């Protein structure tokens, strides 16, 4: 029986070095050093053209410059290497939307300035913040209502259910008299209801569609 061919050995040292270079490139981009970051990324891609992370970061660099055509191409390269990568898919969609917005602006010219139907705004933006406010307000009224408003129906139903069951228990639990009117059961159920309410409000706030507080010009591309 002929010997089996040896599997190619992974160059762990090269992978570790590429990882360090990629981390450095990320830091450079976050500091606004796009040229230096691109130089680092292209050096990685020269040695390791199959590095999906480097392609995605190259897309971030191009997007930060406003070149959404080049950004989309880089994100597509990352997706070819790692099909279904959530981060790259989201960024590719955003780049496509931004490019369409640029083309629309070029086509409309002066008329664009008076238009309030930005494709980017229609994809989120102010509507997301408004939706988040309604979610928090709903949770203030009743635990779980904010989650239902934001589309998390199953979670909202559970939180509402806990709240209603708790209220029912408070109504039927036996109570003492005088100073001992509030029994241990009352305090336990009250603590569960309070925790349910607080969790509902905090979860509704954290589930806001638009949570980034970065300036509009960055728009999340350098994250």
N, C-alpha and C. Protein backbone atom coordinates (compact mmCIF):
# COMPACT_ATOMS: atom_id res chain seq x y z
N UNK A 1 0.84 -1.20 0.00
CA UNK A 1 0.00 0.00 0.00
C UNK A 1 0.88 1.24 0.00
N UNK A 2 0.68 2.12 -0.99
CA UNK A 2 1.55 3.30 -1.06
C UNK A 2 1.28 4.24 0.13
N UNK A 3 2.33 4.94 0.60
CA UNK A 3 2.16 5.84 1.75
C UNK A 3 1.21 6.99 1.39
N UNK A 4 0.43 7.39 2.37
CA UNK A 4 -0.48 8.51 2.17
C UNK A 4 0.31 9.82 2.04
N UNK A 5 -0.15 10.71 1.15
CA UNK A 5 0.56 11.99 1.03
C UNK A 5 0.42 12.82 2.30
N UNK A 6 1.47 13.48 2.67
CA UNK A 6 1.44 14.31 3.86
C UNK A 6 0.60 15.56 3.64
N UNK A 7 -0.19 15.87 4.67
CA UNK A 7 -0.98 17.10 4.59
C UNK A 7 -0.06 18.31 4.74
N UNK A 8 -0.32 19.36 3.99
CA UNK A 8 0.53 20.54 4.11
C UNK A 8 0.46 21.12 5.52
N UNK A 9 1.59 21.45 6.05
CA UNK A 9 1.65 21.98 7.41
C UNK A 9 1.32 23.47 7.43
N UNK A 10 0.53 23.84 8.42
CA UNK A 10 0.19 25.25 8.57
C UNK A 10 1.37 26.02 9.12
N UNK A 11 1.57 27.20 8.58
CA UNK A 11 2.65 28.06 9.06
C UNK A 11 2.08 28.95 10.16
N UNK A 12 2.10 28.44 11.40
CA UNK A 12 1.51 29.16 12.51
C UNK A 12 2.23 30.47 12.78
N UNK A 13 3.53 30.49 12.57
CA UNK A 13 4.29 31.71 12.80
C UNK A 13 3.84 32.81 11.83
N UNK A 14 3.63 32.43 10.56
CA UNK A 14 3.17 33.41 9.57
C UNK A 14 1.77 33.90 9.90
N UNK A 15 0.91 32.99 10.35
CA UNK A 15 -0.46 33.38 10.70
C UNK A 15 -0.46 34.34 11.88
N UNK A 16 0.41 34.07 12.86
CA UNK A 16 0.49 34.94 14.03
C UNK A 16 0.99 36.32 13.65
N UNK A 17 1.98 36.37 12.77
CA UNK A 17 2.52 37.65 12.32
C UNK A 17 1.46 38.42 11.53
N UNK A 18 0.71 37.72 10.67
CA UNK A 18 -0.36 38.38 9.91
C UNK A 18 -1.42 38.93 10.85
N UNK A 19 -1.71 38.20 11.92
CA UNK A 19 -2.69 38.67 12.90
C UNK A 19 -2.22 39.94 13.59
N UNK A 20 -0.93 40.00 13.92
CA UNK A 20 -0.39 41.21 14.54
C UNK A 20 -0.45 42.40 13.57
N UNK A 21 -0.11 42.14 12.32
CA UNK A 21 -0.16 43.21 11.32
C UNK A 21 -1.59 43.71 11.11
N UNK A 22 -2.54 42.78 11.12
CA UNK A 22 -3.93 43.17 10.93
C UNK A 22 -4.43 44.00 12.12
N UNK A 23 -4.04 43.63 13.33
CA UNK A 23 -4.42 44.41 14.51
C UNK A 23 -3.84 45.81 14.44
N UNK A 24 -2.58 45.90 13.99
CA UNK A 24 -1.95 47.21 13.84
C UNK A 24 -2.69 48.06 12.81
N UNK A 25 -3.10 47.42 11.70
CA UNK A 25 -3.83 48.14 10.66
C UNK A 25 -5.18 48.65 11.17
N UNK A 26 -5.86 47.85 11.98
CA UNK A 26 -7.13 48.27 12.58
C UNK A 26 -6.92 49.51 13.45
N UNK A 27 -5.88 49.48 14.27
CA UNK A 27 -5.59 50.61 15.17
C UNK A 27 -5.27 51.85 14.35
N UNK A 28 -4.49 51.68 13.30
CA UNK A 28 -4.14 52.83 12.44
C UNK A 28 -5.39 53.46 11.83
N UNK A 29 -6.32 52.63 11.37
CA UNK A 29 -7.54 53.17 10.77
C UNK A 29 -8.37 53.91 11.80
N UNK A 30 -8.47 53.37 13.00
CA UNK A 30 -9.25 54.02 14.05
C UNK A 30 -8.63 55.36 14.44
N UNK A 31 -7.33 55.48 14.27
CA UNK A 31 -6.66 56.75 14.58
C UNK A 31 -6.68 57.72 13.42
N UNK A 32 -7.32 57.32 12.32
CA UNK A 32 -7.42 58.21 11.16
C UNK A 32 -6.25 58.12 10.21
N UNK A 33 -5.39 57.12 10.39
CA UNK A 33 -4.22 56.96 9.52
C UNK A 33 -4.55 55.95 8.42
N UNK A 34 -5.44 56.36 7.51
CA UNK A 34 -5.93 55.45 6.48
C UNK A 34 -4.81 54.99 5.55
N UNK A 35 -3.90 55.90 5.18
CA UNK A 35 -2.82 55.54 4.25
C UNK A 35 -1.90 54.48 4.86
N UNK A 36 -1.55 54.67 6.14
CA UNK A 36 -0.69 53.71 6.81
C UNK A 36 -1.40 52.37 6.98
N UNK A 37 -2.70 52.45 7.30
CA UNK A 37 -3.48 51.22 7.45
C UNK A 37 -3.55 50.45 6.14
N UNK A 38 -3.79 51.16 5.04
CA UNK A 38 -3.86 50.50 3.73
C UNK A 38 -2.52 49.86 3.38
N UNK A 39 -1.44 50.55 3.69
CA UNK A 39 -0.12 49.98 3.40
C UNK A 39 0.08 48.66 4.14
N UNK A 40 -0.34 48.63 5.41
CA UNK A 40 -0.20 47.40 6.20
C UNK A 40 -1.08 46.29 5.64
N UNK A 41 -2.32 46.64 5.26
CA UNK A 41 -3.25 45.64 4.75
C UNK A 41 -2.76 45.06 3.43
N UNK A 42 -2.29 45.92 2.56
CA UNK A 42 -1.83 45.43 1.25
C UNK A 42 -0.59 44.55 1.41
N UNK A 43 0.23 44.83 2.41
CA UNK A 43 1.38 43.97 2.67
C UNK A 43 0.91 42.58 3.11
N UNK A 44 -0.15 42.54 3.91
CA UNK A 44 -0.70 41.25 4.34
C UNK A 44 -1.26 40.50 3.13
N UNK A 45 -2.00 41.21 2.28
CA UNK A 45 -2.63 40.56 1.13
C UNK A 45 -1.61 40.09 0.09
N UNK A 46 -0.48 40.77 0.03
CA UNK A 46 0.58 40.33 -0.88
C UNK A 46 1.11 38.96 -0.45
N UNK A 47 1.27 38.79 0.87
CA UNK A 47 1.78 37.52 1.39
C UNK A 47 0.68 36.49 1.57
N UNK A 48 -0.54 36.96 1.90
CA UNK A 48 -1.65 36.05 2.20
C UNK A 48 -2.92 36.54 1.51
N UNK A 49 -3.04 36.34 0.19
CA UNK A 49 -4.23 36.84 -0.53
C UNK A 49 -5.52 36.16 -0.11
N UNK A 50 -5.43 35.08 0.67
CA UNK A 50 -6.62 34.37 1.12
C UNK A 50 -7.10 34.87 2.48
N UNK A 51 -6.53 35.96 2.98
CA UNK A 51 -6.89 36.48 4.30
C UNK A 51 -8.17 37.31 4.20
N UNK A 52 -9.30 36.73 4.59
CA UNK A 52 -10.60 37.41 4.47
C UNK A 52 -10.66 38.64 5.37
N UNK A 53 -10.04 38.56 6.55
CA UNK A 53 -10.04 39.70 7.46
C UNK A 53 -9.35 40.91 6.87
N UNK A 54 -8.27 40.68 6.14
CA UNK A 54 -7.55 41.79 5.51
C UNK A 54 -8.39 42.42 4.40
N UNK A 55 -9.09 41.58 3.63
CA UNK A 55 -9.97 42.12 2.58
C UNK A 55 -11.09 42.96 3.18
N UNK A 56 -11.65 42.49 4.29
CA UNK A 56 -12.73 43.25 4.92
C UNK A 56 -12.22 44.59 5.45
N UNK A 57 -11.02 44.58 6.04
CA UNK A 57 -10.46 45.83 6.54
C UNK A 57 -10.14 46.77 5.38
N UNK A 58 -9.69 46.22 4.25
CA UNK A 58 -9.45 47.06 3.08
C UNK A 58 -10.75 47.74 2.64
N UNK A 59 -11.86 46.99 2.73
CA UNK A 59 -13.16 47.59 2.43
C UNK A 59 -13.49 48.71 3.39
N UNK A 60 -13.18 48.54 4.67
CA UNK A 60 -13.41 49.60 5.65
C UNK A 60 -12.61 50.86 5.31
N UNK A 61 -11.37 50.65 4.88
CA UNK A 61 -10.51 51.78 4.52
C UNK A 61 -11.09 52.54 3.34
N UNK A 62 -11.49 51.81 2.31
CA UNK A 62 -12.06 52.47 1.13
C UNK A 62 -13.38 53.17 1.47
N UNK A 63 -14.18 52.55 2.32
CA UNK A 63 -15.45 53.16 2.73
C UNK A 63 -15.21 54.44 3.51
N UNK A 64 -14.17 54.46 4.36
CA UNK A 64 -13.87 55.66 5.14
C UNK A 64 -13.46 56.82 4.23
N UNK A 65 -12.98 56.50 3.02
CA UNK A 65 -12.60 57.54 2.05
C UNK A 65 -13.77 57.94 1.15
N UNK A 66 -14.87 57.18 1.23
CA UNK A 66 -16.01 57.47 0.39
C UNK A 66 -15.98 56.76 -0.95
N UNK A 67 -15.03 55.84 -1.15
CA UNK A 67 -14.96 55.08 -2.40
C UNK A 67 -15.72 53.77 -2.18
N UNK A 68 -17.04 53.82 -2.35
CA UNK A 68 -17.87 52.66 -2.02
C UNK A 68 -17.83 51.58 -3.10
N UNK A 69 -17.42 51.95 -4.32
CA UNK A 69 -17.21 50.93 -5.34
C UNK A 69 -16.07 50.01 -4.93
N UNK A 70 -14.93 50.62 -4.56
CA UNK A 70 -13.77 49.83 -4.14
C UNK A 70 -14.07 49.08 -2.85
N UNK A 71 -14.82 49.71 -1.96
CA UNK A 71 -15.18 49.04 -0.70
C UNK A 71 -16.01 47.81 -0.98
N UNK A 72 -17.00 47.93 -1.87
CA UNK A 72 -17.84 46.79 -2.21
C UNK A 72 -17.04 45.65 -2.82
N UNK A 73 -16.08 46.00 -3.67
CA UNK A 73 -15.23 44.97 -4.29
C UNK A 73 -14.43 44.21 -3.23
N UNK A 74 -13.90 44.96 -2.24
CA UNK A 74 -13.11 44.32 -1.18
C UNK A 74 -13.99 43.42 -0.32
N UNK A 75 -15.19 43.90 0.01
CA UNK A 75 -16.09 43.08 0.82
C UNK A 75 -16.51 41.81 0.07
N UNK A 76 -16.70 41.93 -1.24
CA UNK A 76 -17.04 40.76 -2.04
C UNK A 76 -15.90 39.74 -2.01
N UNK A 77 -14.67 40.23 -2.06
CA UNK A 77 -13.52 39.32 -1.99
C UNK A 77 -13.51 38.57 -0.65
N UNK A 78 -13.84 39.29 0.43
CA UNK A 78 -13.90 38.65 1.75
C UNK A 78 -15.00 37.60 1.79
N UNK A 79 -16.13 37.91 1.15
CA UNK A 79 -17.26 36.97 1.15
C UNK A 79 -16.98 35.74 0.30
N UNK A 80 -16.18 35.90 -0.76
CA UNK A 80 -15.81 34.73 -1.56
C UNK A 80 -14.94 33.77 -0.76
N UNK A 81 -14.13 34.33 0.13
CA UNK A 81 -13.25 33.49 0.96
C UNK A 81 -14.00 32.87 2.13
N UNK A 82 -14.93 33.66 2.71
CA UNK A 82 -15.73 33.17 3.84
C UNK A 82 -17.20 33.45 3.52
N UNK A 83 -17.85 32.60 2.73
CA UNK A 83 -19.25 32.83 2.36
C UNK A 83 -20.15 32.92 3.59
N UNK A 84 -21.04 33.89 3.57
CA UNK A 84 -22.00 34.03 4.66
C UNK A 84 -21.48 34.78 5.86
N UNK A 85 -20.27 35.37 5.78
CA UNK A 85 -19.74 36.14 6.91
C UNK A 85 -20.66 37.32 7.19
N UNK A 86 -21.24 37.37 8.38
CA UNK A 86 -22.26 38.36 8.71
C UNK A 86 -21.72 39.77 8.61
N UNK A 87 -20.54 40.01 9.18
CA UNK A 87 -19.98 41.36 9.19
C UNK A 87 -19.72 41.87 7.77
N UNK A 88 -19.09 41.04 6.95
CA UNK A 88 -18.78 41.45 5.58
C UNK A 88 -20.05 41.64 4.76
N UNK A 89 -21.05 40.79 4.97
CA UNK A 89 -22.31 40.92 4.25
C UNK A 89 -23.00 42.24 4.58
N UNK A 90 -23.02 42.59 5.88
CA UNK A 90 -23.66 43.83 6.29
C UNK A 90 -22.94 45.04 5.71
N UNK A 91 -21.61 44.99 5.72
CA UNK A 91 -20.84 46.11 5.19
C UNK A 91 -20.97 46.22 3.68
N UNK A 92 -21.05 45.08 3.00
CA UNK A 92 -21.24 45.11 1.56
C UNK A 92 -22.60 45.74 1.21
N UNK A 93 -23.63 45.37 1.97
CA UNK A 93 -24.94 45.97 1.74
C UNK A 93 -24.92 47.47 1.97
N UNK A 94 -24.22 47.88 3.00
CA UNK A 94 -24.11 49.31 3.31
C UNK A 94 -23.35 50.04 2.22
N UNK A 95 -22.28 49.44 1.73
CA UNK A 95 -21.50 50.06 0.66
C UNK A 95 -22.33 50.21 -0.60
N UNK A 96 -23.12 49.19 -0.92
CA UNK A 96 -23.99 49.25 -2.10
C UNK A 96 -25.00 50.37 -1.96
N UNK A 97 -25.56 50.51 -0.75
CA UNK A 97 -26.54 51.57 -0.50
C UNK A 97 -25.89 52.95 -0.60
N UNK A 98 -24.70 53.08 -0.07
CA UNK A 98 -23.99 54.37 -0.12
C UNK A 98 -23.64 54.75 -1.56
N UNK A 99 -23.24 53.75 -2.34
CA UNK A 99 -22.92 54.03 -3.74
C UNK A 99 -24.16 54.47 -4.50
N UNK A 100 -25.29 53.82 -4.24
CA UNK A 100 -26.53 54.23 -4.88
C UNK A 100 -26.90 55.65 -4.48
N UNK A 101 -26.63 56.00 -3.22
CA UNK A 101 -26.90 57.36 -2.75
C UNK A 101 -26.01 58.37 -3.48
N UNK A 102 -24.75 58.02 -3.67
CA UNK A 102 -23.83 58.90 -4.40
C UNK A 102 -24.31 59.12 -5.83
N UNK A 103 -24.72 58.04 -6.49
CA UNK A 103 -25.20 58.15 -7.88
C UNK A 103 -26.45 59.00 -7.94
N UNK A 104 -27.30 58.86 -6.96
CA UNK A 104 -28.53 59.66 -6.92
C UNK A 104 -28.19 61.14 -6.72
N UNK A 105 -27.22 61.40 -5.86
CA UNK A 105 -26.81 62.78 -5.62
C UNK A 105 -26.21 63.41 -6.88
N UNK A 106 -25.38 62.61 -7.58
CA UNK A 106 -24.78 63.12 -8.82
C UNK A 106 -25.85 63.39 -9.88
N UNK A 107 -26.88 62.57 -9.91
CA UNK A 107 -27.93 62.71 -10.91
C UNK A 107 -28.83 63.90 -10.63
N UNK A 108 -29.20 64.07 -9.33
CA UNK A 108 -30.13 65.14 -8.98
C UNK A 108 -29.46 66.51 -8.86
N UNK A 109 -28.19 66.50 -8.49
CA UNK A 109 -27.47 67.76 -8.35
C UNK A 109 -28.07 68.64 -7.26
N UNK A 110 -28.43 69.88 -7.62
CA UNK A 110 -28.95 70.83 -6.65
C UNK A 110 -30.25 70.33 -6.04
N UNK A 111 -31.04 69.63 -6.81
CA UNK A 111 -32.33 69.15 -6.32
C UNK A 111 -32.16 68.17 -5.15
N UNK A 112 -30.99 67.54 -5.07
CA UNK A 112 -30.75 66.58 -3.99
C UNK A 112 -30.77 67.24 -2.64
N UNK A 113 -30.29 68.49 -2.56
CA UNK A 113 -30.20 69.19 -1.29
C UNK A 113 -31.56 69.38 -0.64
N UNK A 114 -32.61 69.52 -1.44
CA UNK A 114 -33.95 69.72 -0.89
C UNK A 114 -34.71 68.42 -0.70
N UNK A 115 -34.07 67.29 -1.02
CA UNK A 115 -34.72 66.00 -0.89
C UNK A 115 -34.47 65.44 0.49
N UNK A 116 -35.51 64.91 1.14
CA UNK A 116 -35.35 64.31 2.46
C UNK A 116 -35.58 62.80 2.41
N UNK A 117 -35.39 62.23 1.22
CA UNK A 117 -35.63 60.78 1.06
C UNK A 117 -34.32 60.04 0.86
N UNK A 118 -33.34 60.36 1.71
CA UNK A 118 -32.05 59.70 1.63
C UNK A 118 -32.21 58.20 1.76
N UNK A 119 -31.55 57.45 0.86
CA UNK A 119 -31.61 55.99 0.93
C UNK A 119 -31.02 55.48 2.22
N UNK A 120 -29.97 56.15 2.73
CA UNK A 120 -29.33 55.73 3.96
C UNK A 120 -30.26 55.94 5.14
N UNK A 121 -30.98 57.09 5.15
CA UNK A 121 -31.92 57.33 6.24
C UNK A 121 -33.06 56.33 6.21
N UNK A 122 -33.48 55.98 4.98
CA UNK A 122 -34.58 55.03 4.87
C UNK A 122 -34.18 53.66 5.38
N UNK A 123 -32.87 53.37 5.41
CA UNK A 123 -32.41 52.06 5.87
C UNK A 123 -32.27 51.99 7.38
N UNK A 124 -32.45 53.10 8.09
CA UNK A 124 -32.29 53.09 9.56
C UNK A 124 -32.35 54.49 10.08
N UNK A 125 -31.23 54.94 10.70
CA UNK A 125 -31.09 56.32 11.12
C UNK A 125 -32.13 56.77 12.12
N UNK A 126 -32.80 57.91 11.79
CA UNK A 126 -33.74 58.53 12.71
C UNK A 126 -34.90 57.60 13.05
N UNK A 127 -35.36 56.82 12.07
CA UNK A 127 -36.45 55.90 12.34
C UNK A 127 -36.06 54.89 13.41
N UNK A 128 -34.78 54.47 13.40
CA UNK A 128 -34.32 53.53 14.42
C UNK A 128 -34.36 54.15 15.80
N UNK A 129 -33.92 55.41 15.92
CA UNK A 129 -33.94 56.07 17.21
C UNK A 129 -35.37 56.26 17.71
N UNK A 130 -36.28 56.62 16.78
CA UNK A 130 -37.68 56.80 17.17
C UNK A 130 -38.27 55.49 17.66
N UNK A 131 -37.94 54.39 16.95
CA UNK A 131 -38.43 53.08 17.35
C UNK A 131 -37.90 52.69 18.72
N UNK A 132 -36.64 53.04 19.00
CA UNK A 132 -36.05 52.71 20.31
C UNK A 132 -36.78 53.46 21.42
N UNK A 133 -37.13 54.73 21.18
CA UNK A 133 -37.84 55.49 22.20
C UNK A 133 -39.20 54.87 22.51
N UNK A 134 -39.90 54.43 21.46
CA UNK A 134 -41.20 53.79 21.66
C UNK A 134 -41.05 52.48 22.42
N UNK A 135 -39.96 51.75 22.15
CA UNK A 135 -39.74 50.48 22.84
C UNK A 135 -39.55 50.69 24.34
N UNK A 136 -38.71 51.69 24.68
CA UNK A 136 -38.46 51.98 26.09
C UNK A 136 -39.75 52.46 26.76
N UNK A 137 -40.51 53.32 26.07
CA UNK A 137 -41.76 53.83 26.63
C UNK A 137 -42.74 52.69 26.87
N UNK A 138 -42.80 51.74 25.93
CA UNK A 138 -43.69 50.60 26.11
C UNK A 138 -43.31 49.77 27.31
N UNK A 139 -42.00 49.58 27.53
CA UNK A 139 -41.55 48.78 28.67
C UNK A 139 -41.80 49.51 29.99
N UNK A 140 -41.81 50.84 29.95
CA UNK A 140 -42.15 51.60 31.15
C UNK A 140 -43.61 51.37 31.53
N UNK A 141 -44.47 51.26 30.53
CA UNK A 141 -45.89 51.04 30.80
C UNK A 141 -46.16 49.63 31.31
N UNK A 142 -45.51 48.64 30.65
CA UNK A 142 -45.73 47.24 31.04
C UNK A 142 -44.52 46.43 30.62
N UNK A 143 -43.92 45.66 31.51
CA UNK A 143 -42.78 44.83 31.12
C UNK A 143 -43.11 43.94 29.93
N UNK A 144 -42.25 43.97 28.92
CA UNK A 144 -42.45 43.14 27.72
C UNK A 144 -43.12 43.86 26.58
N UNK A 145 -43.83 44.96 26.87
CA UNK A 145 -44.52 45.67 25.80
C UNK A 145 -43.52 46.30 24.83
N UNK A 146 -42.41 46.80 25.36
CA UNK A 146 -41.38 47.38 24.49
C UNK A 146 -40.77 46.37 23.56
N UNK A 147 -40.57 45.14 24.04
CA UNK A 147 -40.02 44.09 23.19
C UNK A 147 -41.00 43.73 22.08
N UNK A 148 -42.28 43.69 22.40
CA UNK A 148 -43.29 43.40 21.38
C UNK A 148 -43.32 44.49 20.32
N UNK A 149 -43.18 45.76 20.76
CA UNK A 149 -43.17 46.89 19.82
C UNK A 149 -41.99 46.79 18.87
N UNK A 150 -40.83 46.35 19.40
CA UNK A 150 -39.61 46.28 18.58
C UNK A 150 -39.52 45.00 17.76
N UNK A 151 -40.53 44.13 17.84
CA UNK A 151 -40.53 42.92 17.02
C UNK A 151 -40.06 41.67 17.74
N UNK A 152 -39.64 41.78 19.01
CA UNK A 152 -39.22 40.60 19.77
C UNK A 152 -40.44 40.01 20.48
N UNK A 153 -41.35 39.48 19.69
CA UNK A 153 -42.65 39.06 20.21
C UNK A 153 -42.55 37.97 21.27
N UNK A 154 -41.71 36.97 21.02
CA UNK A 154 -41.63 35.85 21.96
C UNK A 154 -41.07 36.30 23.31
N UNK A 155 -39.99 37.09 23.28
CA UNK A 155 -39.41 37.58 24.53
C UNK A 155 -40.41 38.49 25.25
N UNK A 156 -41.08 39.35 24.48
CA UNK A 156 -42.06 40.25 25.09
C UNK A 156 -43.20 39.49 25.75
N UNK A 157 -43.66 38.42 25.09
CA UNK A 157 -44.76 37.63 25.65
C UNK A 157 -44.35 36.98 26.97
N UNK A 158 -43.09 36.52 27.04
CA UNK A 158 -42.61 35.91 28.29
C UNK A 158 -42.57 36.93 29.41
N UNK A 159 -42.06 38.13 29.10
CA UNK A 159 -41.96 39.17 30.13
C UNK A 159 -43.35 39.62 30.59
N UNK A 160 -44.27 39.78 29.65
CA UNK A 160 -45.64 40.14 30.02
C UNK A 160 -46.27 39.03 30.86
N UNK A 161 -46.02 37.78 30.46
CA UNK A 161 -46.57 36.65 31.21
C UNK A 161 -46.08 36.62 32.65
N UNK A 162 -44.78 36.85 32.84
CA UNK A 162 -44.22 36.88 34.20
C UNK A 162 -44.89 37.98 35.02
N UNK A 163 -45.09 39.13 34.39
CA UNK A 163 -45.70 40.26 35.09
C UNK A 163 -47.14 39.94 35.50
N UNK A 164 -47.92 39.36 34.61
CA UNK A 164 -49.32 39.05 34.91
C UNK A 164 -49.44 37.96 35.97
N UNK A 165 -48.59 36.93 35.86
CA UNK A 165 -48.61 35.87 36.87
C UNK A 165 -48.24 36.44 38.24
N UNK A 166 -47.25 37.33 38.26
CA UNK A 166 -46.86 37.96 39.52
C UNK A 166 -47.99 38.75 40.14
N UNK A 167 -48.69 39.52 39.32
CA UNK A 167 -49.82 40.28 39.84
C UNK A 167 -50.90 39.35 40.39
N UNK A 168 -51.12 38.24 39.68
CA UNK A 168 -52.11 37.28 40.15
C UNK A 168 -51.73 36.67 41.49
N UNK A 169 -50.45 36.35 41.64
CA UNK A 169 -49.99 35.79 42.91
C UNK A 169 -50.14 36.78 44.05
N UNK A 170 -49.85 38.05 43.79
CA UNK A 170 -50.02 39.06 44.83
C UNK A 170 -51.47 39.16 45.28
N UNK A 171 -52.39 38.91 44.35
CA UNK A 171 -53.81 39.03 44.68
C UNK A 171 -54.31 37.85 45.51
N UNK A 172 -53.71 36.68 45.30
CA UNK A 172 -54.25 35.49 45.98
C UNK A 172 -53.40 35.03 47.16
N UNK A 173 -52.17 35.58 47.31
CA UNK A 173 -51.33 35.16 48.42
C UNK A 173 -51.97 35.55 49.75
N UNK A 174 -51.88 34.69 50.73
CA UNK A 174 -52.42 35.05 52.05
C UNK A 174 -51.53 36.10 52.70
N UNK A 175 -52.15 37.02 53.42
CA UNK A 175 -51.40 38.06 54.12
C UNK A 175 -51.62 37.93 55.62
N UNK A 176 -50.68 38.48 56.33
CA UNK A 176 -50.79 38.47 57.78
C UNK A 176 -51.62 39.64 58.27
N UNK A 177 -51.41 39.98 59.49
CA UNK A 177 -52.14 41.11 60.09
C UNK A 177 -51.15 42.03 60.79
N UNK A 178 -51.57 43.25 60.97
CA UNK A 178 -50.75 44.21 61.70
C UNK A 178 -49.40 44.42 61.06
N UNK A 179 -48.35 44.34 61.88
CA UNK A 179 -47.00 44.58 61.39
C UNK A 179 -46.53 43.46 60.44
N UNK A 180 -47.12 42.31 60.52
CA UNK A 180 -46.71 41.19 59.69
C UNK A 180 -47.58 41.02 58.44
N UNK A 181 -48.20 42.12 58.03
CA UNK A 181 -49.11 42.03 56.89
C UNK A 181 -48.37 41.58 55.63
N UNK A 182 -47.16 42.09 55.42
CA UNK A 182 -46.38 41.73 54.23
C UNK A 182 -45.57 40.47 54.53
N UNK A 183 -46.02 39.37 54.00
CA UNK A 183 -45.39 38.08 54.25
C UNK A 183 -44.16 37.89 53.35
N UNK A 184 -43.32 36.89 53.65
CA UNK A 184 -42.15 36.63 52.78
C UNK A 184 -42.54 36.38 51.33
N UNK A 185 -43.68 35.71 51.11
CA UNK A 185 -44.12 35.48 49.74
C UNK A 185 -44.37 36.77 48.99
N UNK A 186 -44.94 37.74 49.71
CA UNK A 186 -45.20 39.05 49.08
C UNK A 186 -43.89 39.68 48.62
N UNK A 187 -42.87 39.65 49.45
CA UNK A 187 -41.59 40.29 49.09
C UNK A 187 -40.90 39.54 47.96
N UNK A 188 -41.00 38.21 47.95
CA UNK A 188 -40.37 37.44 46.87
C UNK A 188 -41.01 37.76 45.53
N UNK A 189 -42.35 37.75 45.50
CA UNK A 189 -43.05 38.05 44.25
C UNK A 189 -42.78 39.48 43.81
N UNK A 190 -42.75 40.40 44.76
CA UNK A 190 -42.47 41.80 44.44
C UNK A 190 -41.08 41.96 43.84
N UNK A 191 -40.10 41.22 44.38
CA UNK A 191 -38.74 41.29 43.85
C UNK A 191 -38.69 40.76 42.42
N UNK A 192 -39.41 39.68 42.15
CA UNK A 192 -39.45 39.13 40.79
C UNK A 192 -40.09 40.12 39.83
N UNK A 193 -41.18 40.75 40.23
CA UNK A 193 -41.85 41.74 39.38
C UNK A 193 -40.94 42.93 39.10
N UNK A 194 -40.24 43.39 40.13
CA UNK A 194 -39.32 44.53 39.95
C UNK A 194 -38.20 44.18 38.99
N UNK A 195 -37.63 42.98 39.16
CA UNK A 195 -36.55 42.55 38.27
C UNK A 195 -37.06 42.42 36.84
N UNK A 196 -38.27 41.91 36.67
CA UNK A 196 -38.88 41.75 35.35
C UNK A 196 -39.04 43.12 34.68
N UNK A 197 -39.49 44.09 35.45
CA UNK A 197 -39.71 45.44 34.92
C UNK A 197 -38.39 46.10 34.52
N UNK A 198 -37.41 46.03 35.43
CA UNK A 198 -36.11 46.67 35.15
C UNK A 198 -35.44 46.01 33.94
N UNK A 199 -35.47 44.69 33.89
CA UNK A 199 -34.85 43.99 32.76
C UNK A 199 -35.52 44.40 31.45
N UNK A 200 -36.84 44.50 31.47
CA UNK A 200 -37.57 44.86 30.26
C UNK A 200 -37.16 46.23 29.75
N UNK A 201 -37.01 47.19 30.66
CA UNK A 201 -36.63 48.56 30.26
C UNK A 201 -35.20 48.59 29.72
N UNK A 202 -34.28 47.96 30.45
CA UNK A 202 -32.87 47.96 30.03
C UNK A 202 -32.69 47.24 28.70
N UNK A 203 -33.36 46.09 28.55
CA UNK A 203 -33.27 45.32 27.31
C UNK A 203 -33.82 46.11 26.13
N UNK A 204 -34.92 46.83 26.34
CA UNK A 204 -35.51 47.63 25.26
C UNK A 204 -34.57 48.74 24.84
N UNK A 205 -33.86 49.33 25.81
CA UNK A 205 -32.91 50.40 25.48
C UNK A 205 -31.70 49.86 24.73
N UNK A 206 -31.21 48.69 25.15
CA UNK A 206 -30.02 48.11 24.52
C UNK A 206 -30.33 47.53 23.15
N UNK A 207 -31.57 47.20 22.89
CA UNK A 207 -31.95 46.61 21.61
C UNK A 207 -32.25 47.66 20.57
N UNK A 208 -31.86 48.92 20.82
CA UNK A 208 -32.12 50.00 19.87
C UNK A 208 -31.46 49.70 18.55
N UNK A 209 -32.13 49.88 17.40
CA UNK A 209 -31.55 49.61 16.09
C UNK A 209 -30.35 50.46 15.80
N UNK A 210 -30.31 51.67 16.34
CA UNK A 210 -29.19 52.59 16.08
C UNK A 210 -28.57 52.94 17.41
N UNK A 211 -27.47 52.27 17.76
CA UNK A 211 -26.87 52.46 19.06
C UNK A 211 -25.56 53.24 18.99
N UNK A 212 -25.05 53.46 17.81
CA UNK A 212 -23.76 54.12 17.69
C UNK A 212 -23.89 55.61 17.92
N UNK A 213 -22.98 56.17 18.73
CA UNK A 213 -22.99 57.60 19.00
C UNK A 213 -21.86 58.29 18.26
N UNK A 214 -21.28 57.65 17.26
CA UNK A 214 -20.17 58.24 16.52
C UNK A 214 -20.66 59.31 15.59
N UNK A 215 -19.79 60.27 15.22
CA UNK A 215 -20.18 61.36 14.33
C UNK A 215 -20.63 60.82 12.99
N UNK A 216 -21.53 61.56 12.29
CA UNK A 216 -22.09 61.08 11.03
C UNK A 216 -21.04 60.80 9.98
N UNK A 217 -19.93 61.57 9.99
CA UNK A 217 -18.97 61.37 8.90
C UNK A 217 -18.25 60.03 8.99
N UNK A 218 -18.15 59.45 10.20
CA UNK A 218 -17.53 58.13 10.32
C UNK A 218 -18.53 57.04 9.95
N UNK A 219 -19.75 57.19 10.49
CA UNK A 219 -20.85 56.31 10.10
C UNK A 219 -20.55 54.84 10.33
N UNK A 220 -19.74 54.54 11.33
CA UNK A 220 -19.53 53.15 11.71
C UNK A 220 -18.53 52.38 10.87
N UNK A 221 -17.96 53.02 9.82
CA UNK A 221 -17.06 52.26 8.93
C UNK A 221 -15.72 51.95 9.59
N UNK A 222 -15.33 52.80 10.59
CA UNK A 222 -14.01 52.60 11.19
C UNK A 222 -14.09 51.73 12.43
N UNK A 223 -15.21 51.07 12.67
CA UNK A 223 -15.33 50.21 13.83
C UNK A 223 -14.90 48.79 13.48
